[in-house]
Amino acid sequence: ALENWAECQRELEGVKLPAGRGVSAGTVVYLQALCAEKLLNVSEAERLYKVASESPDSWLTEDGPEIKELAGRRLAQLRPAIRR
């Protein structure tokens, strides 16, 4: 179902992709972070975005964008101004 973040999170738990270029393990971690964020689990989202941001060759789709950049942006938006 559209925007059923809990179901999406459950489905992603079973997805295992290799690390590397393109849609890969970093992509899965980024999508898991999005689910955690939407489910208001900010600490888990932050942890997962950090992991995803360390995946320099992972992309969201075959043509990009790069997961490293997407995760970095989301991570910056999650951090309250006080923590910066």
PDB file of N, CA and C in Angstrom:
ATOM      1  N   ALA A   1       0.849  -1.189   0.000  1.00  0.00           N
ATOM      2  CA  ALA A   1       0.000   0.000   0.000  1.00  0.00           C
ATOM      3  C   ALA A   1       0.884   1.238   0.000  1.00  0.00           C
ATOM      4  N   LEU A   2       0.439   2.233  -0.697  1.00  0.00           N
ATOM      5  CA  LEU A   2       1.178   3.483  -0.804  1.00  0.00           C
ATOM      6  C   LEU A   2       1.367   4.112   0.573  1.00  0.00           C
ATOM      7  N   GLU A   3       2.598   4.467   0.871  1.00  0.00           N
ATOM      8  CA  GLU A   3       2.999   5.106   2.126  1.00  0.00           C
ATOM      9  C   GLU A   3       2.697   4.258   3.362  1.00  0.00           C
ATOM     10  N   ASN A   4       2.668   2.958   3.211  1.00  0.00           N
ATOM     11  CA  ASN A   4       2.558   2.063   4.357  1.00  0.00           C
ATOM     12  C   ASN A   4       3.982   1.765   4.815  1.00  0.00           C
ATOM     13  N   TRP A   5       4.520   2.669   5.625  1.00  0.00           N
ATOM     14  CA  TRP A   5       5.942   2.624   5.979  1.00  0.00           C
ATOM     15  C   TRP A   5       6.306   1.404   6.809  1.00  0.00           C
ATOM     16  N   ALA A   6       5.417   0.953   7.662  1.00  0.00           N
ATOM     17  CA  ALA A   6       5.699  -0.231   8.473  1.00  0.00           C
ATOM     18  C   ALA A   6       5.815  -1.472   7.582  1.00  0.00           C
ATOM     19  N   GLU A   7       4.923  -1.597   6.615  1.00  0.00           N
ATOM     20  CA  GLU A   7       4.980  -2.728   5.684  1.00  0.00           C
ATOM     21  C   GLU A   7       6.240  -2.643   4.827  1.00  0.00           C
ATOM     22  N   CYS A   8       6.560  -1.458   4.372  1.00  0.00           N
ATOM     23  CA  CYS A   8       7.779  -1.257   3.582  1.00  0.00           C
ATOM     24  C   CYS A   8       9.007  -1.675   4.386  1.00  0.00           C
ATOM     25  N   GLN A   9       9.033  -1.261   5.639  1.00  0.00           N
ATOM     26  CA  GLN A   9      10.157  -1.623   6.512  1.00  0.00           C
ATOM     27  C   GLN A   9      10.286  -3.139   6.645  1.00  0.00           C
ATOM     28  N   ARG A  10       9.172  -3.815   6.824  1.00  0.00           N
ATOM     29  CA  ARG A  10       9.188  -5.287   6.935  1.00  0.00           C
ATOM     30  C   ARG A  10       9.705  -5.928   5.639  1.00  0.00           C
ATOM     31  N   GLU A  11       9.250  -5.428   4.519  1.00  0.00           N
ATOM     32  CA  GLU A  11       9.686  -5.973   3.226  1.00  0.00           C
ATOM     33  C   GLU A  11      11.182  -5.767   3.005  1.00  0.00           C
ATOM     34  N   LEU A  12      11.686  -4.593   3.381  1.00  0.00           N
ATOM     35  CA  LEU A  12      13.105  -4.297   3.178  1.00  0.00           C
ATOM     36  C   LEU A  12      14.020  -5.148   4.048  1.00  0.00           C
ATOM     37  N   GLU A  13      13.518  -5.627   5.171  1.00  0.00           N
ATOM     38  CA  GLU A  13      14.326  -6.479   6.042  1.00  0.00           C
ATOM     39  C   GLU A  13      14.792  -7.737   5.314  1.00  0.00           C
ATOM     40  N   GLY A  14      14.017  -8.199   4.361  1.00  0.00           N
ATOM     41  CA  GLY A  14      14.358  -9.411   3.628  1.00  0.00           C
ATOM     42  C   GLY A  14      15.160  -9.171   2.354  1.00  0.00           C
ATOM     43  N   VAL A  15      15.411  -7.916   2.027  1.00  0.00           N
ATOM     44  CA  VAL A  15      16.132  -7.600   0.793  1.00  0.00           C
ATOM     45  C   VAL A  15      17.631  -7.570   1.070  1.00  0.00           C
ATOM     46  N   LYS A  16      18.353  -8.381   0.366  1.00  0.00           N
ATOM     47  CA  LYS A  16      19.815  -8.449   0.507  1.00  0.00           C
ATOM     48  C   LYS A  16      20.444  -8.218  -0.860  1.00  0.00           C
ATOM     49  N   LEU A  17      21.074  -7.075  -1.015  1.00  0.00           N
ATOM     50  CA  LEU A  17      21.792  -6.773  -2.250  1.00  0.00           C
ATOM     51  C   LEU A  17      23.269  -6.632  -1.927  1.00  0.00           C
ATOM     52  N   PRO A  18      24.125  -6.946  -2.870  1.00  0.00           N
ATOM     53  CA  PRO A  18      25.559  -6.797  -2.621  1.00  0.00           C
ATOM     54  C   PRO A  18      25.952  -5.315  -2.592  1.00  0.00           C
ATOM     55  N   ALA A  19      27.053  -5.037  -1.916  1.00  0.00           N
ATOM     56  CA  ALA A  19      27.614  -3.688  -1.951  1.00  0.00           C
ATOM     57  C   ALA A  19      28.167  -3.458  -3.348  1.00  0.00           C
ATOM     58  N   GLY A  20      28.254  -2.209  -3.742  1.00  0.00           N
ATOM     59  CA  GLY A  20      28.840  -1.932  -5.040  1.00  0.00           C
ATOM     60  C   GLY A  20      28.122  -0.834  -5.774  1.00  0.00           C
ATOM     61  N   ARG A  21      28.437  -0.722  -7.024  1.00  0.00           N
ATOM     62  CA  ARG A  21      27.925   0.350  -7.871  1.00  0.00           C
ATOM     63  C   ARG A  21      26.483   0.092  -8.280  1.00  0.00           C
ATOM     64  N   GLY A  22      25.705   1.170  -8.312  1.00  0.00           N
ATOM     65  CA  GLY A  22      24.320   1.078  -8.757  1.00  0.00           C
ATOM     66  C   GLY A  22      23.362   0.818  -7.607  1.00  0.00           C
ATOM     67  N   VAL A  23      22.216   0.241  -7.927  1.00  0.00           N
ATOM     68  CA  VAL A  23      21.246  -0.125  -6.897  1.00  0.00           C
ATOM     69  C   VAL A  23      21.851  -1.296  -6.137  1.00  0.00           C
ATOM     70  N   SER A  24      22.128  -1.081  -4.855  1.00  0.00           N
ATOM     71  CA  SER A  24      22.894  -2.067  -4.090  1.00  0.00           C
ATOM     72  C   SER A  24      22.530  -1.991  -2.611  1.00  0.00           C
ATOM     73  N   ALA A  25      23.380  -2.545  -1.776  1.00  0.00           N
ATOM     74  CA  ALA A  25      23.128  -2.588  -0.333  1.00  0.00           C
ATOM     75  C   ALA A  25      22.895  -1.194   0.245  1.00  0.00           C
ATOM     76  N   GLY A  26      23.644  -0.204  -0.211  1.00  0.00           N
ATOM     77  CA  GLY A  26      23.457   1.164   0.275  1.00  0.00           C
ATOM     78  C   GLY A  26      22.077   1.714  -0.044  1.00  0.00           C
ATOM     79  N   THR A  27      21.525   1.305  -1.163  1.00  0.00           N
ATOM     80  CA  THR A  27      20.177   1.724  -1.555  1.00  0.00           C
ATOM     81  C   THR A  27      19.150   1.188  -0.561  1.00  0.00           C
ATOM     82  N   VAL A  28      19.317  -0.072  -0.192  1.00  0.00           N
ATOM     83  CA  VAL A  28      18.396  -0.703   0.757  1.00  0.00           C
ATOM     84  C   VAL A  28      18.474   0.010   2.105  1.00  0.00           C
ATOM     85  N   VAL A  29      19.680   0.302   2.563  1.00  0.00           N
ATOM     86  CA  VAL A  29      19.850   0.990   3.849  1.00  0.00           C
ATOM     87  C   VAL A  29      19.189   2.371   3.806  1.00  0.00           C
ATOM     88  N   TYR A  30      19.359   3.087   2.708  1.00  0.00           N
ATOM     89  CA  TYR A  30      18.732   4.398   2.563  1.00  0.00           C
ATOM     90  C   TYR A  30      17.204   4.285   2.644  1.00  0.00           C
ATOM     91  N   LEU A  31      16.642   3.310   1.959  1.00  0.00           N
ATOM     92  CA  LEU A  31      15.190   3.120   1.991  1.00  0.00           C
ATOM     93  C   LEU A  31      14.716   2.722   3.389  1.00  0.00           C
ATOM     94  N   GLN A  32      15.523   1.928   4.099  1.00  0.00           N
ATOM     95  CA  GLN A  32      15.188   1.587   5.485  1.00  0.00           C
ATOM     96  C   GLN A  32      15.213   2.838   6.357  1.00  0.00           C
ATOM     97  N   ALA A  33      16.160   3.728   6.106  1.00  0.00           N
ATOM     98  CA  ALA A  33      16.235   4.984   6.858  1.00  0.00           C
ATOM     99  C   ALA A  33      15.002   5.843   6.606  1.00  0.00           C
ATOM    100  N   LEU A  34      14.563   5.904   5.354  1.00  0.00           N
ATOM    101  CA  LEU A  34      13.345   6.656   5.040  1.00  0.00           C
ATOM    102  C   LEU A  34      12.145   6.110   5.819  1.00  0.00           C
ATOM    103  N   CYS A  35      12.030   4.795   5.853  1.00  0.00           N
ATOM    104  CA  CYS A  35      10.937   4.173   6.603  1.00  0.00           C
ATOM    105  C   CYS A  35      11.021   4.537   8.082  1.00  0.00           C
ATOM    106  N   ALA A  36      12.200   4.422   8.660  1.00  0.00           N
ATOM    107  CA  ALA A  36      12.376   4.752  10.080  1.00  0.00           C
ATOM    108  C   ALA A  36      11.999   6.208  10.339  1.00  0.00           C
ATOM    109  N   GLU A  37      12.409   7.090   9.441  1.00  0.00           N
ATOM    110  CA  GLU A  37      12.078   8.508   9.602  1.00  0.00           C
ATOM    111  C   GLU A  37      10.571   8.721   9.543  1.00  0.00           C
ATOM    112  N   LYS A  38       9.919   8.117   8.572  1.00  0.00           N
ATOM    113  CA  LYS A  38       8.474   8.280   8.424  1.00  0.00           C
ATOM    114  C   LYS A  38       7.711   7.685   9.606  1.00  0.00           C
ATOM    115  N   LEU A  39       8.309   6.677  10.249  1.00  0.00           N
ATOM    116  CA  LEU A  39       7.688   6.055  11.424  1.00  0.00           C
ATOM    117  C   LEU A  39       8.101   6.760  12.720  1.00  0.00           C
ATOM    118  N   LEU A  40       8.778   7.902  12.568  1.00  0.00           N
ATOM    119  CA  LEU A  40       9.203   8.766  13.672  1.00  0.00           C
ATOM    120  C   LEU A  40      10.238   8.124  14.596  1.00  0.00           C
ATOM    121  N   ASN A  41      10.985   7.180  14.068  1.00  0.00           N
ATOM    122  CA  ASN A  41      12.102   6.594  14.804  1.00  0.00           C
ATOM    123  C   ASN A  41      13.363   7.335  14.363  1.00  0.00           C
ATOM    124  N   VAL A  42      13.524   8.538  14.888  1.00  0.00           N
ATOM    125  CA  VAL A  42      14.570   9.443  14.421  1.00  0.00           C
ATOM    126  C   VAL A  42      15.966   8.906  14.701  1.00  0.00           C
ATOM    127  N   SER A  43      16.181   8.303  15.859  1.00  0.00           N
ATOM    128  CA  SER A  43      17.522   7.795  16.163  1.00  0.00           C
ATOM    129  C   SER A  43      17.914   6.668  15.209  1.00  0.00           C
ATOM    130  N   GLU A  44      16.990   5.799  14.875  1.00  0.00           N
ATOM    131  CA  GLU A  44      17.282   4.725  13.916  1.00  0.00           C
ATOM    132  C   GLU A  44      17.476   5.297  12.517  1.00  0.00           C
ATOM    133  N   ALA A  45      16.660   6.261  12.145  1.00  0.00           N
ATOM    134  CA  ALA A  45      16.811   6.905  10.840  1.00  0.00           C
ATOM    135  C   ALA A  45      18.185   7.554  10.735  1.00  0.00           C
ATOM    136  N   GLU A  46      18.594   8.252  11.764  1.00  0.00           N
ATOM    137  CA  GLU A  46      19.903   8.905  11.762  1.00  0.00           C
ATOM    138  C   GLU A  46      21.027   7.879  11.607  1.00  0.00           C
ATOM    139  N   ARG A  47      20.928   6.787  12.351  1.00  0.00           N
ATOM    140  CA  ARG A  47      21.945   5.726  12.267  1.00  0.00           C
ATOM    141  C   ARG A  47      22.020   5.158  10.854  1.00  0.00           C
ATOM    142  N   LEU A  48      20.867   4.875  10.276  1.00  0.00           N
ATOM    143  CA  LEU A  48      20.833   4.290   8.937  1.00  0.00           C
ATOM    144  C   LEU A  48      21.284   5.274   7.865  1.00  0.00           C
ATOM    145  N   TYR A  49      20.914   6.537   7.994  1.00  0.00           N
ATOM    146  CA  TYR A  49      21.393   7.541   7.038  1.00  0.00           C
ATOM    147  C   TYR A  49      22.916   7.653   7.086  1.00  0.00           C
ATOM    148  N   LYS A  50      23.490   7.558   8.283  1.00  0.00           N
ATOM    149  CA  LYS A  50      24.952   7.598   8.401  1.00  0.00           C
ATOM    150  C   LYS A  50      25.581   6.441   7.640  1.00  0.00           C
ATOM    151  N   VAL A  51      25.020   5.256   7.808  1.00  0.00           N
ATOM    152  CA  VAL A  51      25.524   4.071   7.087  1.00  0.00           C
ATOM    153  C   VAL A  51      25.375   4.276   5.582  1.00  0.00           C
ATOM    154  N   ALA A  52      24.207   4.725   5.161  1.00  0.00           N
ATOM    155  CA  ALA A  52      23.957   4.933   3.729  1.00  0.00           C
ATOM    156  C   ALA A  52      24.884   5.986   3.140  1.00  0.00           C
ATOM    157  N   SER A  53      25.202   7.000   3.923  1.00  0.00           N
ATOM    158  CA  SER A  53      26.067   8.072   3.411  1.00  0.00           C
ATOM    159  C   SER A  53      27.495   7.598   3.174  1.00  0.00           C
ATOM    160  N   GLU A  54      27.822   6.426   3.679  1.00  0.00           N
ATOM    161  CA  GLU A  54      29.143   5.834   3.478  1.00  0.00           C
ATOM    162  C   GLU A  54      29.153   4.847   2.320  1.00  0.00           C
ATOM    163  N   SER A  55      28.156   4.927   1.460  1.00  0.00           N
ATOM    164  CA  SER A  55      28.030   4.057   0.287  1.00  0.00           C
ATOM    165  C   SER A  55      28.217   4.900  -0.967  1.00  0.00           C
ATOM    166  N   PRO A  56      29.460   5.212  -1.320  1.00  0.00           N
ATOM    167  CA  PRO A  56      29.715   6.170  -2.402  1.00  0.00           C
ATOM    168  C   PRO A  56      29.269   5.722  -3.788  1.00  0.00           C
ATOM    169  N   ASP A  57      29.112   4.437  -3.998  1.00  0.00           N
ATOM    170  CA  ASP A  57      28.763   3.946  -5.333  1.00  0.00           C
ATOM    171  C   ASP A  57      27.310   3.516  -5.472  1.00  0.00           C
ATOM    172  N   SER A  58      26.529   3.652  -4.396  1.00  0.00           N
ATOM    173  CA  SER A  58      25.121   3.243  -4.439  1.00  0.00           C
ATOM    174  C   SER A  58      24.261   4.349  -5.019  1.00  0.00           C
ATOM    175  N   TRP A  59      23.283   3.944  -5.797  1.00  0.00           N
ATOM    176  CA  TRP A  59      22.352   4.872  -6.422  1.00  0.00           C
ATOM    177  C   TRP A  59      20.927   4.493  -6.040  1.00  0.00           C
ATOM    178  N   LEU A  60      20.011   5.453  -6.164  1.00  0.00           N
ATOM    179  CA  LEU A  60      18.612   5.183  -5.873  1.00  0.00           C
ATOM    180  C   LEU A  60      17.974   4.366  -6.993  1.00  0.00           C
ATOM    181  N   THR A  61      18.326   4.696  -8.237  1.00  0.00           N
ATOM    182  CA  THR A  61      17.851   3.953  -9.409  1.00  0.00           C
ATOM    183  C   THR A  61      19.050   3.682 -10.310  1.00  0.00           C
ATOM    184  N   GLU A  62      18.828   3.056 -11.424  1.00  0.00           N
ATOM    185  CA  GLU A  62      19.923   2.767 -12.356  1.00  0.00           C
ATOM    186  C   GLU A  62      20.658   4.028 -12.809  1.00  0.00           C
ATOM    187  N   ASP A  63      19.940   5.139 -12.853  1.00  0.00           N
ATOM    188  CA  ASP A  63      20.503   6.391 -13.355  1.00  0.00           C
ATOM    189  C   ASP A  63      20.813   7.407 -12.262  1.00  0.00           C
ATOM    190  N   GLY A  64      20.711   7.022 -11.018  1.00  0.00           N
ATOM    191  CA  GLY A  64      20.973   7.952  -9.926  1.00  0.00           C
ATOM    192  C   GLY A  64      19.670   8.386  -9.292  1.00  0.00           C
ATOM    193  N   PRO A  65      19.700   9.306  -8.393  1.00  0.00           N
ATOM    194  CA  PRO A  65      20.841  10.019  -7.825  1.00  0.00           C
ATOM    195  C   PRO A  65      21.635   9.146  -6.858  1.00  0.00           C
ATOM    196  N   GLU A  66      22.795   9.667  -6.451  1.00  0.00           N
ATOM    197  CA  GLU A  66      23.672   8.923  -5.561  1.00  0.00           C
ATOM    198  C   GLU A  66      23.105   8.901  -4.134  1.00  0.00           C
ATOM    199  N   ILE A  67      23.144   7.729  -3.540  1.00  0.00           N
ATOM    200  CA  ILE A  67      22.653   7.551  -2.173  1.00  0.00           C
ATOM    201  C   ILE A  67      23.465   8.388  -1.190  1.00  0.00           C
ATOM    202  N   LYS A  68      24.762   8.477  -1.403  1.00  0.00           N
ATOM    203  CA  LYS A  68      25.623   9.245  -0.493  1.00  0.00           C
ATOM    204  C   LYS A  68      25.105  10.671  -0.340  1.00  0.00           C
ATOM    205  N   GLU A  69      24.744  11.306  -1.449  1.00  0.00           N
ATOM    206  CA  GLU A  69      24.244  12.684  -1.410  1.00  0.00           C
ATOM    207  C   GLU A  69      22.856  12.760  -0.775  1.00  0.00           C
ATOM    208  N   LEU A  70      21.973  11.857  -1.162  1.00  0.00           N
ATOM    209  CA  LEU A  70      20.618  11.857  -0.599  1.00  0.00           C
ATOM    210  C   LEU A  70      20.641  11.655   0.905  1.00  0.00           C
ATOM    211  N   ALA A  71      21.410  10.679   1.351  1.00  0.00           N
ATOM    212  CA  ALA A  71      21.494  10.373   2.784  1.00  0.00           C
ATOM    213  C   ALA A  71      22.116  11.540   3.544  1.00  0.00           C
ATOM    214  N   GLY A  72      23.127  12.148   2.978  1.00  0.00           N
ATOM    215  CA  GLY A  72      23.761  13.295   3.619  1.00  0.00           C
ATOM    216  C   GLY A  72      22.783  14.441   3.819  1.00  0.00           C
ATOM    217  N   ARG A  73      21.963  14.712   2.820  1.00  0.00           N
ATOM    218  CA  ARG A  73      20.956  15.773   2.922  1.00  0.00           C
ATOM    219  C   ARG A  73      19.907  15.464   3.977  1.00  0.00           C
ATOM    220  N   ARG A  74      19.417  14.227   3.981  1.00  0.00           N
ATOM    221  CA  ARG A  74      18.397  13.838   4.963  1.00  0.00           C
ATOM    222  C   ARG A  74      18.974  13.902   6.372  1.00  0.00           C
ATOM    223  N   LEU A  75      20.208  13.461   6.524  1.00  0.00           N
ATOM    224  CA  LEU A  75      20.867  13.483   7.825  1.00  0.00           C
ATOM    225  C   LEU A  75      20.990  14.917   8.335  1.00  0.00           C
ATOM    226  N   ALA A  76      21.373  15.830   7.487  1.00  0.00           N
ATOM    227  CA  ALA A  76      21.499  17.239   7.871  1.00  0.00           C
ATOM    228  C   ALA A  76      20.136  17.812   8.271  1.00  0.00           C
ATOM    229  N   GLN A  77      19.081  17.399   7.614  1.00  0.00           N
ATOM    230  CA  GLN A  77      17.742  17.899   7.933  1.00  0.00           C
ATOM    231  C   GLN A  77      17.214  17.326   9.239  1.00  0.00           C
ATOM    232  N   LEU A  78      17.656  16.127   9.593  1.00  0.00           N
ATOM    233  CA  LEU A  78      17.203  15.500  10.835  1.00  0.00           C
ATOM    234  C   LEU A  78      17.817  16.130  12.071  1.00  0.00           C
ATOM    235  N   ARG A  79      19.037  16.582  11.939  1.00  0.00           N
ATOM    236  CA  ARG A  79      19.764  17.114  13.091  1.00  0.00           C
ATOM    237  C   ARG A  79      19.212  18.473  13.480  1.00  0.00           C
ATOM    238  N   PRO A  80      18.774  18.590  14.724  1.00  0.00           N
ATOM    239  CA  PRO A  80      18.304  19.899  15.186  1.00  0.00           C
ATOM    240  C   PRO A  80      19.451  20.919  15.172  1.00  0.00           C
ATOM    241  N   ALA A  81      19.110  22.164  15.015  1.00  0.00           N
ATOM    242  CA  ALA A  81      20.116  23.236  14.963  1.00  0.00           C
ATOM    243  C   ALA A  81      20.999  23.235  16.199  1.00  0.00           C
ATOM    244  N   ILE A  82      20.470  22.855  17.324  1.00  0.00           N
ATOM    245  CA  ILE A  82      21.245  22.848  18.575  1.00  0.00           C
ATOM    246  C   ILE A  82      22.406  21.863  18.528  1.00  0.00           C
ATOM    247  N   ARG A  83      22.264  20.759  17.789  1.00  0.00           N
ATOM    248  CA  ARG A  83      23.283  19.717  17.742  1.00  0.00           C
ATOM    249  C   ARG A  83      24.383  20.042  16.733  1.00  0.00           C
ATOM    250  N   ARG A  84      24.178  21.040  15.892  1.00  0.00           N
ATOM    251  CA  ARG A  84      25.162  21.370  14.853  1.00  0.00           C
ATOM    252  C   ARG A  84      26.336  22.098  15.427  1.00  0.00           C
TER     253      ARG A  84
END
